[in-house]
Amino acid sequence: MEPADLAKAYQWHYRPQTPRRPDWFKAWPGGARMGVNIIVLHEWESNPSMARPMPAGAHHHLDYLALGAREYGARHGIWRILDVLDRRQVKATVICSGLVAELWPDSVHEAQARGHELATHHWDQSRHPPVFKTKEEEGEYLQRALDALERVTGQKTLGYMSQGPRPTPNTLELVAEKGFVWTADYSDSDVPYMIDVNGKKVVSVGYVMPGHTDNEMFALGAAAGLQQMKDVFDALYEESAHHPMKLCYVAHVHISGRPAMAKLLERFLEHAASHEGVWFYRCIDLANYWLEHER
């Protein structure tokens, strides 16, 4: 492909090819040098991915072992994470599948009642946007998710992240058309940046860049994972002496809701809070700050 074709495919006509640090950006709110964002992924997968292959010749194909992991997250994990956040006095962004709002509305309502932001993660973790053949089909499933979430919260949903996150060439236009303030679909920048979709502004708040997901930490084990998160924070905090930095940690309810992984999250939050000039933010807080200052 030619460079012009690549630029179009990458949607650099909407997203900046090279996000910049604005001249006004000398600190986070309150003069903080370091921002820390916790995203809680409250997902539901209607056809859970197999934890290990089914027995040879299996006639039944619903994997109850895989289903159990998702059920554990929705039944117990989300509540354990909410309690950790309460103890550390941190507000997070809870990104929910539409099916979660339908099947587990009490947990969504409780997250909202405790001061966390609720955002949409599309409808079903089993159907990511790239499977949709048209913009209309993708938009219908997204609207279904929004309707389900907003019936529980009673509020307009302002944030979006596709599953994966893996958006399609149609996703940004849908995000702008439906009036979202922010998207977490892109893992590509140390700083937030403005996306302009035909005159409609959307803030890219960033997803785990810089930062990590609990899937990566779970693979290391809780003790090594905690040390990794401390090391990442310390490196970014050191850099933040020169210019503001941010860190995003993503906690899935079926992963970080397990006892040892919940303790990893809590000890990481303790470590971050022990430093001066740290701002814990929800995605909407960062987006509003950026919209207020970046023109």
Protein backbone atom coordinates (compact mmCIF):
# COMPACT_ATOMS: atom_id res chain seq x y z
CA MET A 1 0.00 0.00 0.00
CA GLU A 2 1.05 3.57 -0.66
CA PRO A 3 1.59 5.92 2.32
CA ALA A 4 -1.64 7.78 1.55
CA ASP A 5 -3.56 4.50 1.57
CA LEU A 6 -1.97 3.51 4.86
CA ALA A 7 -2.89 6.84 6.43
CA LYS A 8 -6.52 6.34 5.39
CA ALA A 9 -6.58 2.76 6.69
CA TYR A 10 -5.13 3.92 10.03
CA GLN A 11 -7.78 6.69 10.17
CA TRP A 12 -5.15 9.39 10.59
CA HIS A 13 -7.66 11.79 9.05
CA TYR A 14 -9.56 11.39 12.35
CA ARG A 15 -6.75 10.51 14.78
CA PRO A 16 -3.46 12.45 14.89
CA GLN A 17 -0.56 10.55 13.38
CA THR A 18 1.69 11.87 16.15
CA PRO A 19 -0.13 13.02 19.30
CA ARG A 20 1.65 16.00 20.87
CA ARG A 21 2.02 17.31 24.37
CA PRO A 22 0.13 20.61 24.33
CA ASP A 23 2.02 23.65 25.61
CA TRP A 24 -0.56 24.18 28.36
CA PHE A 25 -0.13 20.63 29.69
CA LYS A 26 2.24 21.11 32.64
CA ALA A 27 0.33 19.11 35.25
CA TRP A 28 -2.79 17.08 35.94
CA PRO A 29 -5.63 18.61 38.01
CA GLY A 30 -4.51 19.89 41.39
CA GLY A 31 -0.95 20.17 40.16
CA ALA A 32 -0.46 16.38 40.11
CA ARG A 33 2.48 15.01 38.15
CA MET A 34 1.19 11.44 37.78
CA GLY A 35 -2.23 10.12 36.82
CA VAL A 36 -3.44 6.59 37.65
CA ASN A 37 -6.52 5.11 36.02
CA ILE A 38 -8.18 1.85 37.02
CA ILE A 39 -10.48 0.34 34.41
CA VAL A 40 -12.67 -2.51 35.66
CA LEU A 41 -13.90 -4.72 32.82
CA HIS A 42 -17.25 -6.18 33.85
CA GLU A 43 -17.76 -8.50 30.90
CA TRP A 44 -20.16 -11.25 29.93
CA GLU A 45 -19.33 -13.82 27.28
CA SER A 46 -22.44 -15.69 26.13
CA ASN A 47 -20.34 -18.52 24.71
CA PRO A 48 -17.26 -18.55 26.98
CA SER A 49 -13.88 -19.32 25.48
CA MET A 50 -12.76 -22.79 26.42
CA ALA A 51 -10.34 -23.01 29.31
CA ARG A 52 -9.00 -26.22 27.79
CA PRO A 53 -10.21 -28.43 24.94
CA MET A 54 -13.44 -30.37 25.40
CA PRO A 55 -13.10 -34.18 25.54
CA ALA A 56 -12.71 -35.92 22.19
CA GLY A 57 -16.06 -36.79 20.68
CA ALA A 58 -17.99 -34.43 22.97
CA HIS A 59 -21.65 -34.11 21.96
CA HIS A 60 -22.29 -31.07 24.19
CA HIS A 61 -20.22 -27.97 23.52
CA LEU A 62 -21.07 -25.46 26.27
CA ASP A 63 -17.94 -25.38 28.43
CA TYR A 64 -19.18 -25.09 32.01
CA LEU A 65 -15.60 -24.78 33.24
CA ALA A 66 -15.15 -21.61 31.17
CA LEU A 67 -18.64 -20.43 32.10
CA GLY A 68 -17.79 -20.85 35.76
CA ALA A 69 -14.92 -18.37 35.50
CA ARG A 70 -17.28 -15.74 34.10
CA GLU A 71 -19.95 -16.58 36.68
CA TYR A 72 -17.40 -16.24 39.47
CA GLY A 73 -16.45 -12.78 38.24
CA ALA A 74 -20.07 -11.62 38.12
CA ARG A 75 -21.10 -13.30 41.40
CA HIS A 76 -18.07 -12.56 43.55
CA GLY A 77 -15.24 -10.84 41.68
CA ILE A 78 -16.93 -7.50 41.02
CA TRP A 79 -17.89 -7.15 44.66
CA ARG A 80 -14.37 -7.93 45.89
CA ILE A 81 -12.93 -5.32 43.50
CA LEU A 82 -15.48 -2.71 44.59
CA ASP A 83 -14.50 -3.33 48.21
CA VAL A 84 -10.80 -2.91 47.39
CA LEU A 85 -11.52 0.39 45.66
CA ASP A 86 -13.58 1.54 48.65
CA ARG A 87 -10.79 0.73 51.10
CA ARG A 88 -8.25 2.63 49.00
CA GLN A 89 -10.74 5.47 48.30
CA VAL A 90 -10.19 5.21 44.55
CA LYS A 91 -12.88 5.81 41.93
CA ALA A 92 -12.63 3.73 38.76
CA THR A 93 -14.27 3.39 35.38
CA VAL A 94 -16.35 0.21 35.15
CA ILE A 95 -16.82 -0.79 31.51
CA CYS A 96 -19.76 -3.18 31.12
CA SER A 97 -21.09 -5.50 28.47
CA GLY A 98 -24.75 -4.92 27.70
CA LEU A 99 -25.43 -8.48 28.78
CA VAL A 100 -23.97 -7.69 32.22
CA ALA A 101 -26.55 -4.95 32.66
CA GLU A 102 -29.27 -7.43 31.69
CA LEU A 103 -28.06 -10.39 33.74
CA TRP A 104 -26.34 -8.75 36.74
CA PRO A 105 -27.97 -5.30 37.12
CA ASP A 106 -27.44 -5.13 40.90
CA SER A 107 -23.67 -5.07 40.47
CA VAL A 108 -23.90 -2.29 37.88
CA HIS A 109 -26.18 -0.24 40.10
CA GLU A 110 -23.88 -0.77 43.09
CA ALA A 111 -20.80 0.36 41.14
CA GLN A 112 -22.66 3.53 40.20
CA ALA A 113 -23.83 4.08 43.79
CA ARG A 114 -20.21 3.89 45.01
CA GLY A 115 -19.17 6.71 42.67
CA HIS A 116 -17.61 4.80 39.81
CA GLU A 117 -18.14 5.73 36.18
CA LEU A 118 -20.12 3.28 34.03
CA ALA A 119 -19.19 2.92 30.36
CA THR A 120 -20.13 0.49 27.61
CA HIS A 121 -18.18 -2.52 26.36
CA HIS A 122 -20.63 -3.29 23.55
CA TRP A 123 -23.16 -6.11 23.93
CA ASP A 124 -21.47 -9.51 24.22
CA GLN A 125 -17.83 -10.49 24.72
CA SER A 126 -18.43 -13.35 22.27
CA ARG A 127 -19.05 -10.94 19.37
CA HIS A 128 -16.32 -8.36 18.80
CA PRO A 129 -16.92 -5.50 16.31
CA PRO A 130 -14.80 -6.98 13.49
CA VAL A 131 -17.41 -9.73 13.02
CA PHE A 132 -20.02 -7.17 11.96
CA LYS A 133 -20.19 -6.82 8.19
CA THR A 134 -21.80 -3.37 8.10
CA LYS A 135 -21.82 -0.14 10.06
CA GLU A 136 -25.56 -0.59 10.58
CA GLU A 137 -25.15 -4.03 12.17
CA GLU A 138 -22.39 -2.82 14.47
CA GLY A 139 -24.47 0.20 15.41
CA GLU A 140 -27.54 -1.91 16.22
CA TYR A 141 -25.59 -4.09 18.66
CA LEU A 142 -23.99 -1.03 20.24
CA GLN A 143 -27.38 0.63 20.71
CA ARG A 144 -28.70 -2.55 22.28
CA ALA A 145 -25.84 -2.40 24.79
CA LEU A 146 -26.47 1.28 25.53
CA ASP A 147 -30.18 0.72 26.08
CA ALA A 148 -29.48 -2.08 28.56
CA LEU A 149 -26.89 -0.10 30.52
CA GLU A 150 -28.91 3.11 30.61
CA ARG A 151 -32.01 1.29 31.90
CA VAL A 152 -29.93 0.45 34.97
CA THR A 153 -27.98 3.70 35.43
CA GLY A 154 -30.68 6.13 34.34
CA GLN A 155 -27.93 8.22 32.75
CA LYS A 156 -26.49 8.80 29.30
CA THR A 157 -23.38 6.70 28.75
CA LEU A 158 -20.38 8.89 27.90
CA GLY A 159 -17.56 6.36 27.44
CA TYR A 160 -16.89 3.49 25.04
CA MET A 161 -14.44 0.66 24.60
CA SER A 162 -14.84 -2.13 22.07
CA GLN A 163 -14.02 -5.68 23.03
CA GLY A 164 -10.35 -6.41 22.60
CA PRO A 165 -10.20 -3.45 22.12
CA ARG A 166 -10.54 -4.01 18.38
CA PRO A 167 -12.60 -1.34 16.64
CA THR A 168 -13.57 -1.44 12.97
CA PRO A 169 -13.27 1.25 10.29
CA ASN A 170 -16.86 2.18 11.26
CA THR A 171 -16.44 2.36 15.04
CA LEU A 172 -15.11 5.90 15.37
CA GLU A 173 -17.96 7.32 13.34
CA LEU A 174 -20.47 5.42 15.48
CA VAL A 175 -18.78 6.67 18.66
CA ALA A 176 -19.04 10.27 17.44
CA GLU A 177 -22.60 9.91 16.17
CA LYS A 178 -23.83 8.46 19.46
CA GLY A 179 -22.34 11.33 21.43
CA PHE A 180 -19.61 9.59 23.38
CA VAL A 181 -17.14 11.89 25.12
CA TRP A 182 -14.25 9.41 25.23
CA THR A 183 -12.97 6.17 23.76
CA ALA A 184 -10.48 3.70 25.23
CA ASP A 185 -9.95 1.83 21.96
CA TYR A 186 -6.35 2.92 21.36
CA SER A 187 -3.13 1.81 23.07
CA ASP A 188 -0.82 4.23 21.32
CA SER A 189 0.16 7.30 23.34
CA ASP A 190 1.64 8.56 26.60
CA VAL A 191 -0.82 11.46 26.55
CA PRO A 192 -4.53 11.79 25.78
CA TYR A 193 -5.42 13.29 22.45
CA MET A 194 -8.38 14.72 20.60
CA ILE A 195 -10.09 12.82 17.81
CA ASP A 196 -12.06 14.91 15.33
CA VAL A 197 -14.74 12.96 13.45
CA ASN A 198 -16.34 15.33 10.99
CA GLY A 199 -16.30 18.15 13.53
CA LYS A 200 -17.33 16.02 16.53
CA LYS A 201 -14.67 15.82 19.25
CA VAL A 202 -13.89 12.61 21.14
CA VAL A 203 -11.02 12.21 23.63
CA SER A 204 -8.77 9.17 23.35
CA VAL A 205 -8.06 8.40 27.01
CA GLY A 206 -5.80 5.43 26.21
CA TYR A 207 -5.82 1.76 27.14
CA VAL A 208 -2.86 0.20 29.02
CA MET A 209 -0.26 2.27 27.23
CA PRO A 210 1.57 2.91 29.36
CA GLY A 211 0.33 0.29 31.81
CA HIS A 212 -0.82 -3.32 31.92
CA THR A 213 -3.83 -5.61 32.13
CA ASP A 214 -4.32 -8.15 34.90
CA ASN A 215 -4.12 -10.91 32.28
CA GLU A 216 -0.41 -10.15 31.98
CA MET A 217 0.03 -9.99 35.76
CA PHE A 218 -1.93 -13.23 36.32
CA ALA A 219 0.47 -15.03 34.00
CA LEU A 220 3.39 -13.86 36.15
CA GLY A 221 1.76 -14.81 39.45
CA ALA A 222 0.47 -12.36 42.03
CA ALA A 223 3.81 -11.64 43.75
CA ALA A 224 5.78 -11.10 40.54
CA GLY A 225 2.85 -9.23 39.01
CA LEU A 226 2.75 -6.81 41.92
CA GLN A 227 6.47 -6.15 41.57
CA GLN A 228 6.01 -5.55 37.85
CA MET A 229 3.28 -2.99 38.50
CA LYS A 230 5.41 -1.24 41.11
CA ASP A 231 8.34 -1.13 38.68
CA VAL A 232 6.17 0.32 35.90
CA PHE A 233 4.72 2.93 38.25
CA ASP A 234 8.16 3.87 39.57
CA ALA A 235 9.55 4.29 36.05
CA LEU A 236 6.66 6.50 35.02
CA TYR A 237 6.76 8.47 38.27
CA GLU A 238 10.45 9.18 37.72
CA GLU A 239 9.68 10.44 34.20
CA SER A 240 6.81 12.54 35.53
CA ALA A 241 9.38 14.81 37.19
CA HIS A 242 9.99 16.17 33.67
CA HIS A 243 6.43 16.12 32.30
CA PRO A 244 3.07 14.69 33.44
CA MET A 245 2.59 10.95 32.89
CA LYS A 246 -0.25 8.50 33.30
CA LEU A 247 -0.70 4.81 33.99
CA CYS A 248 -3.69 2.60 33.20
CA TYR A 249 -4.30 -0.73 34.91
CA VAL A 250 -7.13 -2.94 33.65
CA ALA A 251 -8.83 -5.32 36.08
CA HIS A 252 -11.21 -7.97 34.71
CA VAL A 253 -13.77 -9.05 37.28
CA HIS A 254 -13.10 -12.75 36.61
CA ILE A 255 -9.33 -12.25 37.00
CA SER A 256 -8.76 -9.44 39.51
CA GLY A 257 -11.81 -10.59 41.44
CA ARG A 258 -9.87 -13.63 42.64
CA PRO A 259 -8.46 -13.15 46.16
CA ALA A 260 -4.74 -13.01 45.38
CA MET A 261 -5.24 -10.79 42.34
CA ALA A 262 -7.51 -8.47 44.33
CA LYS A 263 -4.72 -8.17 46.89
CA LEU A 264 -2.30 -7.32 44.06
CA LEU A 265 -4.61 -4.48 43.03
CA GLU A 266 -4.92 -3.22 46.58
CA ARG A 267 -1.17 -3.28 47.25
CA PHE A 268 -0.49 -1.54 43.96
CA LEU A 269 -2.94 1.22 44.88
CA GLU A 270 -1.25 1.55 48.27
CA HIS A 271 2.12 1.90 46.54
CA ALA A 272 0.88 4.54 44.11
CA ALA A 273 -0.88 6.51 46.84
CA SER A 274 2.29 6.63 48.93
CA HIS A 275 3.82 9.05 46.40
CA GLU A 276 3.17 12.78 46.29
CA GLY A 277 1.35 14.34 43.35
CA VAL A 278 -0.67 11.30 42.22
CA TRP A 279 -4.15 11.83 40.76
CA PHE A 280 -6.49 8.82 40.62
CA TYR A 281 -9.00 9.46 37.88
CA ARG A 282 -11.95 7.98 36.04
CA CYS A 283 -11.87 8.14 32.26
CA ILE A 284 -14.56 10.82 32.23
CA ASP A 285 -12.46 12.97 34.58
CA LEU A 286 -9.52 12.89 32.19
CA ALA A 287 -11.74 13.47 29.16
CA ASN A 288 -13.43 16.49 30.72
CA TYR A 289 -10.06 17.93 31.74
CA TRP A 290 -8.76 17.53 28.20
CA LEU A 291 -11.88 18.99 26.61
CA GLU A 292 -11.70 21.99 28.94
CA HIS A 293 -8.13 22.86 28.00
CA GLU A 294 -7.41 21.46 24.55
CA ARG A 295 -8.95 23.43 21.70
